[in-house]
Amino acid sequence: MRDIRIGAAQFEYRPGDSSYNLGRIRELTRRAVESGAEMVSFHECCLQGYTHVQTFSKDQLWDLAEPIPDGPCTRALMDLAKEFRVPLLAGLFERDGDRIHNTYVCVTGDGLVAKHRKLHTFVSRFLTPGDSYTVFDLLGCRFGMLICYDNNLPENVRITALRGAEIIFMPHVTGCLPSTMPGRGTVDPALWQNRERDPVRLRQEFQGPKGRGWLMRWLPARAWENGVYGVYTNAIGWDEGEVRPGGAMILDPFGEVLVESQALEDDVVVGFLTAEKRELSSGRRYLRARRPELYGTLVEPGSETPVTEPGWKLKTDTP
């Protein structure tokens, strides 16, 4: 890889309002480019919204989804990439044949560069999980993509790194969710509504085990154990009766936070990712020390059918 400046964004999206969401992407891209960003990434399904589809019928989800690269959201994203002369990464629901996917795309002004279909879908039973990993070359670097829950499984990040990814984009919609884990749970919506008058209480919630505290239990390990940069993006603000904590950040190959947003609003941070950190990282040594001949158990079929389930209860699907 070469040294590169990358932007990681957070914003309060509006469900089903792609025009508004593209407007926020445009503004945050402008800010990132003015700060030197050479590419800018946004969160999971930020173009159309995410959490609200829990109760969608298949027809409703189909109507929301669009083909890639010829759908209106992807085309509009390409126009923004062309306007600002930087690659952009964002998420949306994709329809392909009779399938619907949770997809993350990288585009330039010249077209689609890469797309990743989420491997571990759960927000709707009408989604089809992806069946492959995504690694691509751009701007002198080798990138990977993994969407939200994909990053919870160490195997996914490890395989993406083994396929040569130096920088992995990790878009999410997460945090401050109902949970059985001690200290976790939702945030009182009143704190979000009152954030300008009393920012301290909301920031304490976001920084604690409901938000950042939970994330820092595992996400830095994914970067550290594989010697890669991790570009984490997330929604912030009101999201179907709950509050998301944002916290956009870039982790370096040592698992340290390179840059991070603590803003209680739409924001973008720009990090300077350098090649030498990756070469010096412990994770690079660990990859070289692997003994695959011992790992057969990892690929043996389990006694139960694989299932992706969140640590919180989904709303009932409509018939």
Protein backbone atom coordinates (compact mmCIF):
# COMPACT_ATOMS: atom_id res chain seq x y z
CA MET A 1 0.00 0.00 0.00
CA ARG A 2 0.93 3.66 -0.18
CA ASP A 3 0.23 6.44 2.29
CA ILE A 4 -3.36 7.62 1.85
CA ARG A 5 -5.90 9.93 3.51
CA ILE A 6 -9.38 8.43 4.01
CA GLY A 7 -12.58 9.92 5.40
CA ALA A 8 -14.96 8.01 7.71
CA ALA A 9 -18.40 9.57 8.16
CA GLN A 10 -21.45 9.39 10.40
CA PHE A 11 -24.84 10.95 9.82
CA GLU A 12 -28.47 10.77 10.90
CA TYR A 13 -30.18 9.18 7.90
CA ARG A 14 -33.85 9.41 6.99
CA PRO A 15 -35.52 6.06 6.23
CA GLY A 16 -36.62 5.82 2.60
CA ASP A 17 -35.47 9.36 1.77
CA SER A 18 -32.52 8.82 -0.56
CA SER A 19 -32.61 12.42 -1.77
CA TYR A 20 -32.02 13.73 1.76
CA ASN A 21 -29.40 11.08 2.49
CA LEU A 22 -27.50 11.91 -0.69
CA GLY A 23 -27.55 15.53 0.37
CA ARG A 24 -25.84 14.64 3.64
CA ILE A 25 -23.33 12.48 1.78
CA ARG A 26 -22.57 15.40 -0.51
CA GLU A 27 -21.96 17.81 2.37
CA LEU A 28 -19.78 15.39 4.34
CA THR A 29 -17.82 14.50 1.22
CA ARG A 30 -17.15 18.19 0.65
CA ARG A 31 -15.88 18.56 4.21
CA ALA A 32 -13.70 15.46 3.93
CA VAL A 33 -12.14 16.53 0.63
CA GLU A 34 -11.40 19.97 2.05
CA SER A 35 -9.51 18.15 4.83
CA GLY A 36 -7.46 16.22 2.29
CA ALA A 37 -9.42 12.96 1.96
CA GLU A 38 -8.67 10.93 -1.15
CA MET A 39 -11.74 8.71 -0.66
CA VAL A 40 -14.71 8.85 1.71
CA SER A 41 -16.80 6.07 3.27
CA PHE A 42 -20.31 6.06 4.73
CA HIS A 43 -22.34 3.58 6.77
CA GLU A 44 -24.40 0.47 6.02
CA CYS A 45 -27.55 1.11 3.92
CA CYS A 46 -27.08 4.85 4.36
CA LEU A 47 -28.64 5.63 0.99
CA GLN A 48 -32.10 4.19 1.72
CA GLY A 49 -32.15 3.50 5.48
CA TYR A 50 -31.83 0.22 7.31
CA THR A 51 -33.61 -0.50 10.59
CA HIS A 52 -37.09 0.37 9.33
CA VAL A 53 -37.18 -2.61 6.95
CA GLN A 54 -37.64 -5.07 9.84
CA THR A 55 -41.39 -4.93 9.29
CA PHE A 56 -41.36 -4.72 5.48
CA SER A 57 -43.06 -7.30 3.31
CA LYS A 58 -41.00 -8.75 0.46
CA ASP A 59 -42.78 -6.46 -1.98
CA GLN A 60 -41.96 -3.41 0.12
CA LEU A 61 -38.31 -4.36 0.38
CA TRP A 62 -38.22 -5.11 -3.36
CA ASP A 63 -39.60 -1.67 -4.13
CA LEU A 64 -36.95 -0.03 -1.93
CA ALA A 65 -34.08 -2.01 -3.45
CA GLU A 66 -32.49 -1.17 -6.79
CA PRO A 67 -30.16 -2.75 -9.34
CA ILE A 68 -26.45 -1.97 -9.18
CA PRO A 69 -24.90 -0.10 -10.94
CA ASP A 70 -27.87 1.21 -12.92
CA GLY A 71 -30.17 2.19 -10.04
CA PRO A 72 -30.79 5.84 -9.14
CA CYS A 73 -28.89 5.84 -5.82
CA THR A 74 -25.77 4.28 -7.30
CA ARG A 75 -25.87 6.65 -10.26
CA ALA A 76 -26.27 9.65 -7.96
CA LEU A 77 -23.33 8.44 -5.87
CA MET A 78 -21.21 8.20 -9.03
CA ASP A 79 -22.16 11.78 -9.87
CA LEU A 80 -20.95 12.92 -6.45
CA ALA A 81 -17.72 10.97 -6.88
CA LYS A 82 -17.21 12.70 -10.21
CA GLU A 83 -18.01 16.12 -8.74
CA PHE A 84 -15.49 15.78 -5.92
CA ARG A 85 -13.00 13.61 -7.84
CA VAL A 86 -12.74 10.98 -5.11
CA PRO A 87 -14.03 7.42 -4.76
CA LEU A 88 -17.09 7.10 -2.48
CA LEU A 89 -18.34 4.10 -0.52
CA ALA A 90 -21.92 3.69 0.70
CA GLY A 91 -24.55 1.05 1.42
CA LEU A 92 -27.95 0.21 -0.06
CA PHE A 93 -30.38 -2.63 -0.73
CA GLU A 94 -29.72 -4.27 -4.09
CA ARG A 95 -32.05 -6.38 -6.19
CA ASP A 96 -30.59 -8.91 -8.58
CA GLY A 97 -32.79 -11.44 -10.35
CA ASP A 98 -35.30 -12.50 -7.68
CA ARG A 99 -32.87 -11.83 -4.80
CA ILE A 100 -32.42 -8.85 -2.49
CA HIS A 101 -29.04 -8.14 -0.90
CA ASN A 102 -27.62 -5.75 1.68
CA THR A 103 -24.80 -4.32 -0.43
CA TYR A 104 -21.90 -1.90 -0.03
CA VAL A 105 -20.43 -0.23 -3.10
CA CYS A 106 -17.30 1.64 -4.05
CA VAL A 107 -17.73 3.99 -6.99
CA THR A 108 -15.75 6.61 -8.84
CA GLY A 109 -16.90 9.17 -11.37
CA ASP A 110 -16.19 6.55 -14.03
CA GLY A 111 -18.45 3.85 -12.56
CA LEU A 112 -18.66 0.94 -10.15
CA VAL A 113 -15.33 -0.29 -8.78
CA ALA A 114 -16.51 -3.01 -6.36
CA LYS A 115 -19.48 -4.20 -4.35
CA HIS A 116 -19.84 -6.47 -1.32
CA ARG A 117 -22.99 -8.35 -0.37
CA LYS A 118 -23.38 -8.78 3.38
CA LEU A 119 -22.53 -12.33 4.42
CA HIS A 120 -24.58 -12.38 7.64
CA THR A 121 -27.99 -10.77 7.08
CA PHE A 122 -30.73 -10.71 9.72
CA VAL A 123 -32.72 -7.47 9.62
CA SER A 124 -35.18 -9.04 7.13
CA ARG A 125 -35.89 -12.66 6.26
CA PHE A 126 -36.26 -11.60 2.64
CA LEU A 127 -32.57 -10.79 2.27
CA THR A 128 -30.20 -13.22 0.57
CA PRO A 129 -26.73 -13.38 2.18
CA GLY A 130 -23.67 -12.86 0.02
CA ASP A 131 -21.48 -15.83 -0.79
CA SER A 132 -18.04 -14.32 -1.41
CA TYR A 133 -15.38 -11.98 -0.06
CA THR A 134 -14.57 -8.65 -1.65
CA VAL A 135 -11.04 -7.36 -2.22
CA PHE A 136 -10.07 -4.77 -4.83
CA ASP A 137 -7.24 -2.48 -5.90
CA LEU A 138 -7.62 1.28 -6.13
CA LEU A 139 -5.39 4.34 -5.68
CA GLY A 140 -2.32 2.20 -5.07
CA CYS A 141 -3.88 0.29 -2.15
CA ARG A 142 -5.67 -3.03 -1.73
CA PHE A 143 -9.04 -2.73 0.01
CA GLY A 144 -11.60 -5.10 1.49
CA MET A 145 -15.24 -4.66 2.55
CA LEU A 146 -17.21 -6.33 5.34
CA ILE A 147 -20.62 -5.11 6.48
CA CYS A 148 -21.52 -4.81 10.19
CA TYR A 149 -22.15 -8.38 11.53
CA ASP A 150 -19.58 -9.72 9.03
CA ASN A 151 -16.91 -8.15 11.24
CA ASN A 152 -18.11 -9.94 14.37
CA LEU A 153 -16.74 -13.23 13.03
CA PRO A 154 -12.92 -13.25 13.14
CA GLU A 155 -12.81 -15.65 10.18
CA ASN A 156 -14.26 -13.06 7.81
CA VAL A 157 -11.67 -10.40 8.60
CA ARG A 158 -8.87 -12.97 8.55
CA ILE A 159 -9.83 -14.31 5.11
CA THR A 160 -10.18 -10.78 3.73
CA ALA A 161 -6.68 -10.01 5.04
CA LEU A 162 -5.29 -13.27 3.64
CA ARG A 163 -6.64 -12.24 0.24
CA GLY A 164 -4.41 -9.22 0.43
CA ALA A 165 -6.59 -6.47 1.93
CA GLU A 166 -4.49 -3.77 3.57
CA ILE A 167 -7.42 -1.53 4.48
CA ILE A 168 -10.88 -2.93 5.30
CA PHE A 169 -14.03 -0.81 5.20
CA MET A 170 -16.38 -1.78 8.05
CA PRO A 171 -19.74 0.04 7.62
CA HIS A 172 -22.26 -0.46 10.45
CA VAL A 173 -25.64 0.50 11.85
CA THR A 174 -25.13 -0.47 15.46
CA GLY A 175 -24.77 0.51 19.10
CA CYS A 176 -27.18 1.38 21.91
CA LEU A 177 -29.31 -1.67 21.15
CA PRO A 178 -31.27 -3.90 23.54
CA SER A 179 -28.92 -6.54 24.92
CA THR A 180 -28.51 -9.15 27.64
CA MET A 181 -24.89 -8.07 28.09
CA PRO A 182 -24.35 -6.23 31.42
CA GLY A 183 -24.31 -2.46 31.00
CA ARG A 184 -25.66 -2.46 27.47
CA GLY A 185 -29.07 -1.37 26.25
CA THR A 186 -30.87 1.52 24.63
CA VAL A 187 -30.39 5.24 25.24
CA ASP A 188 -33.24 7.41 26.49
CA PRO A 189 -34.47 9.33 23.39
CA ALA A 190 -34.86 12.42 25.57
CA LEU A 191 -31.07 12.61 25.87
CA TRP A 192 -30.76 12.85 22.10
CA GLN A 193 -33.47 15.49 21.89
CA ASN A 194 -31.73 17.49 24.64
CA ARG A 195 -28.17 17.02 23.36
CA GLU A 196 -27.46 20.71 22.81
CA ARG A 197 -28.48 21.71 26.35
CA ASP A 198 -26.95 18.67 28.05
CA PRO A 199 -24.32 17.04 25.81
CA VAL A 200 -22.41 15.47 28.72
CA ARG A 201 -25.06 12.90 29.66
CA LEU A 202 -25.54 11.77 26.07
CA ARG A 203 -21.80 11.54 25.48
CA GLN A 204 -21.45 9.42 28.62
CA GLU A 205 -24.02 7.00 27.23
CA PHE A 206 -22.33 6.87 23.82
CA GLN A 207 -18.87 6.38 25.32
CA GLY A 208 -19.95 3.71 27.82
CA PRO A 209 -20.80 0.02 27.36
CA LYS A 210 -23.90 0.83 25.30
CA GLY A 211 -21.77 2.30 22.53
CA ARG A 212 -18.02 2.73 22.30
CA GLY A 213 -17.24 0.52 25.30
CA TRP A 214 -18.86 -2.47 23.62
CA LEU A 215 -17.26 -1.73 20.26
CA MET A 216 -13.78 -1.49 21.74
CA ARG A 217 -14.06 -4.99 23.20
CA TRP A 218 -13.63 -6.54 19.77
CA LEU A 219 -13.24 -4.19 16.79
CA PRO A 220 -9.61 -3.13 17.50
CA ALA A 221 -8.71 -6.82 17.76
CA ARG A 222 -9.81 -7.35 14.16
CA ALA A 223 -7.30 -4.75 12.98
CA TRP A 224 -4.53 -5.86 15.38
CA GLU A 225 -4.68 -9.61 14.79
CA ASN A 226 -4.57 -9.16 11.01
CA GLY A 227 -2.28 -6.13 10.67
CA VAL A 228 -4.81 -4.10 8.70
CA TYR A 229 -6.41 -0.68 8.89
CA GLY A 230 -10.11 -0.71 9.77
CA VAL A 231 -12.38 2.11 8.56
CA TYR A 232 -15.48 2.09 10.79
CA THR A 233 -18.58 4.09 9.87
CA ASN A 234 -21.94 4.19 11.66
CA ALA A 235 -25.27 5.95 11.82
CA ILE A 236 -25.90 8.55 14.52
CA GLY A 237 -29.12 9.86 15.97
CA TRP A 238 -32.73 8.83 15.71
CA ASP A 239 -33.33 5.40 14.21
CA GLU A 240 -36.78 3.82 14.44
CA GLY A 241 -37.41 4.70 18.09
CA GLU A 242 -33.81 4.18 19.18
CA VAL A 243 -30.65 6.29 19.18
CA ARG A 244 -27.44 5.37 17.36
CA PRO A 245 -24.09 6.58 18.73
CA GLY A 246 -22.06 7.31 15.60
CA GLY A 247 -18.41 7.12 16.59
CA ALA A 248 -16.88 7.01 13.10
CA MET A 249 -13.23 6.03 13.42
CA ILE A 250 -10.19 4.60 11.72
CA LEU A 251 -8.15 1.94 13.50
CA ASP A 252 -4.51 1.36 12.65
CA PRO A 253 -2.80 -2.06 12.29
CA PHE A 254 -1.83 -1.96 15.98
CA GLY A 255 -5.52 -1.75 16.93
CA GLU A 256 -5.09 1.87 18.04
CA VAL A 257 -7.57 4.61 17.19
CA LEU A 258 -6.04 6.78 14.50
CA VAL A 259 -8.92 9.28 14.28
CA GLU A 260 -12.38 9.24 15.84
CA SER A 261 -15.50 11.40 15.93
CA GLN A 262 -17.05 12.24 19.29
CA ALA A 263 -19.47 14.70 17.72
CA LEU A 264 -23.13 14.41 18.67
CA GLU A 265 -24.13 15.20 15.10
CA ASP A 266 -23.29 14.47 11.48
CA ASP A 267 -19.52 14.41 11.13
CA VAL A 268 -16.57 13.10 9.16
CA VAL A 269 -13.01 12.39 10.31
CA VAL A 270 -10.01 12.05 8.01
CA GLY A 271 -7.11 9.76 8.87
CA PHE A 272 -3.61 9.51 7.41
CA LEU A 273 -2.94 5.81 6.80
CA THR A 274 0.75 5.01 6.36
CA ALA A 275 2.33 1.93 4.81
CA GLU A 276 5.06 1.45 7.41
CA LYS A 277 2.63 0.84 10.28
CA ARG A 278 1.23 -2.16 8.51
CA GLU A 279 4.64 -3.67 7.84
CA LEU A 280 5.66 -3.26 11.50
CA SER A 281 2.42 -4.62 12.97
CA SER A 282 2.13 -7.77 15.06
CA GLY A 283 -0.68 -9.01 12.84
CA ARG A 284 1.66 -9.31 9.86
CA ARG A 285 3.85 -11.63 11.91
CA TYR A 286 0.84 -13.66 13.02
CA LEU A 287 -0.27 -14.19 9.43
CA ARG A 288 3.16 -15.51 8.57
CA ALA A 289 3.10 -17.82 11.62
CA ARG A 290 -0.13 -19.58 10.67
CA ARG A 291 -0.22 -23.39 10.44
CA PRO A 292 -3.19 -24.18 8.18
CA GLU A 293 -2.60 -27.90 8.40
CA LEU A 294 -3.97 -27.72 11.96
CA TYR A 295 -7.12 -25.78 11.10
CA GLY A 296 -9.35 -28.42 9.55
CA THR A 297 -11.90 -28.07 12.36
CA LEU A 298 -12.62 -24.53 11.22
CA VAL A 299 -14.19 -25.72 7.98
CA GLU A 300 -15.96 -28.80 9.25
CA PRO A 301 -19.77 -28.50 9.04
CA GLY A 302 -21.37 -27.86 12.42
CA SER A 303 -24.05 -30.01 13.99
CA GLU A 304 -26.55 -27.17 13.59
CA THR A 305 -27.60 -25.15 10.56
CA PRO A 306 -25.77 -21.79 10.50
CA VAL A 307 -27.96 -18.93 11.69
CA THR A 308 -27.24 -15.21 11.99
CA GLU A 309 -29.08 -13.69 14.93
CA PRO A 310 -28.57 -10.37 16.70
CA GLY A 311 -28.29 -10.01 20.44
CA TRP A 312 -31.58 -8.11 20.42
CA LYS A 313 -35.11 -9.00 19.38
CA LEU A 314 -36.24 -8.07 15.88
CA LYS A 315 -39.65 -6.57 15.31
CA THR A 316 -42.21 -9.02 13.96
CA ASP A 317 -42.09 -9.39 10.19
CA THR A 318 -45.26 -8.58 8.32
CA PRO A 319 -46.78 -11.51 6.35
